[in-house]
Amino acid sequence: MKDKLIEEFKDILELEDETIEAESNFRDYDDWDSIAALSVMAYLDSEFNFSIKAEDFKQINTINQLVALMNKNA
């Protein structure tokens, strides 16, 4: 799951030559904006059948935190 999320974040943030680590704060990337957030939330719903409220997603800063939340709610 974590690897799929990393790849999706790379696509959404258009990080072709950069890497994103699971512990990186994805909100610090230049291309992070509300559209990116919505894209991630839609991806979570379609790929993992995991819905997250916007106010809960605002508390998440890393892929590791997101994976932990998804595992907790599985």
Protein backbone atom coordinates (compact mmCIF):
# COMPACT_ATOMS: atom_id res chain seq x y z
CA MET A 1 0.00 0.00 0.00
CA LYS A 2 2.74 2.45 0.96
CA ASP A 3 4.55 2.02 -2.36
CA LYS A 4 1.35 2.62 -4.33
CA LEU A 5 0.70 5.78 -2.31
CA ILE A 6 4.23 7.04 -2.89
CA GLU A 7 3.84 6.55 -6.63
CA GLU A 8 0.47 8.30 -6.66
CA PHE A 9 1.84 11.25 -4.68
CA LYS A 10 4.72 11.47 -7.17
CA ASP A 11 2.21 11.60 -10.03
CA ILE A 12 -0.05 14.14 -8.35
CA LEU A 13 2.88 16.36 -7.32
CA GLU A 14 4.55 15.91 -10.72
CA LEU A 15 7.81 14.72 -9.14
CA GLU A 16 9.34 13.03 -12.15
CA ASP A 17 12.99 13.51 -11.17
CA GLU A 18 12.47 13.86 -7.44
CA THR A 19 11.61 11.26 -4.88
CA ILE A 20 9.15 11.49 -2.07
CA GLU A 21 9.79 9.53 1.09
CA ALA A 22 7.06 8.08 3.27
CA GLU A 23 8.16 10.36 6.11
CA SER A 24 8.42 13.50 3.95
CA ASN A 25 5.90 16.27 4.60
CA PHE A 26 4.04 16.24 1.28
CA ARG A 27 2.52 19.64 2.08
CA ASP A 28 5.97 21.21 1.68
CA TYR A 29 6.18 20.41 -2.05
CA ASP A 30 5.66 23.32 -4.45
CA ASP A 31 2.81 21.62 -6.32
CA TRP A 32 0.81 20.80 -3.19
CA ASP A 33 -2.51 22.64 -3.23
CA SER A 34 -6.21 22.00 -2.70
CA ILE A 35 -6.49 20.23 -6.05
CA ALA A 36 -3.68 17.85 -5.06
CA ALA A 37 -5.45 17.17 -1.76
CA LEU A 38 -8.71 16.39 -3.55
CA SER A 39 -6.85 14.15 -5.99
CA VAL A 40 -5.31 12.17 -3.13
CA MET A 41 -8.66 11.85 -1.37
CA ALA A 42 -10.33 10.65 -4.59
CA TYR A 43 -7.49 8.17 -5.18
CA LEU A 44 -7.87 6.77 -1.65
CA ASP A 45 -11.57 6.26 -2.24
CA SER A 46 -11.26 4.66 -5.67
CA GLU A 47 -8.14 2.54 -5.09
CA PHE A 48 -8.54 1.52 -1.44
CA ASN A 49 -12.25 2.20 -0.80
CA PHE A 50 -11.09 4.52 2.00
CA SER A 51 -13.01 7.73 2.58
CA ILE A 52 -11.49 10.49 4.66
CA LYS A 53 -13.07 13.77 5.68
CA ALA A 54 -11.27 16.93 4.58
CA GLU A 55 -10.83 18.09 8.18
CA ASP A 56 -9.20 14.75 9.08
CA PHE A 57 -6.98 14.85 6.01
CA LYS A 58 -5.73 18.30 7.03
CA GLN A 59 -4.15 16.66 10.09
CA ILE A 60 -2.09 14.29 7.91
CA ASN A 61 1.33 15.47 6.72
CA THR A 62 3.16 12.31 5.68
CA ILE A 63 2.40 9.12 3.80
CA ASN A 64 3.35 7.16 6.93
CA GLN A 65 0.67 9.00 8.91
CA LEU A 66 -1.84 8.30 6.16
CA VAL A 67 -0.98 4.59 6.07
CA ALA A 68 -1.28 4.40 9.87
CA LEU A 69 -4.72 6.00 9.76
CA MET A 70 -5.84 3.67 6.99
CA ASN A 71 -4.59 0.61 8.91
CA LYS A 72 -6.25 1.84 12.10
CA ASN A 73 -9.59 2.18 10.33
CA ALA A 74 -9.33 -1.06 8.34
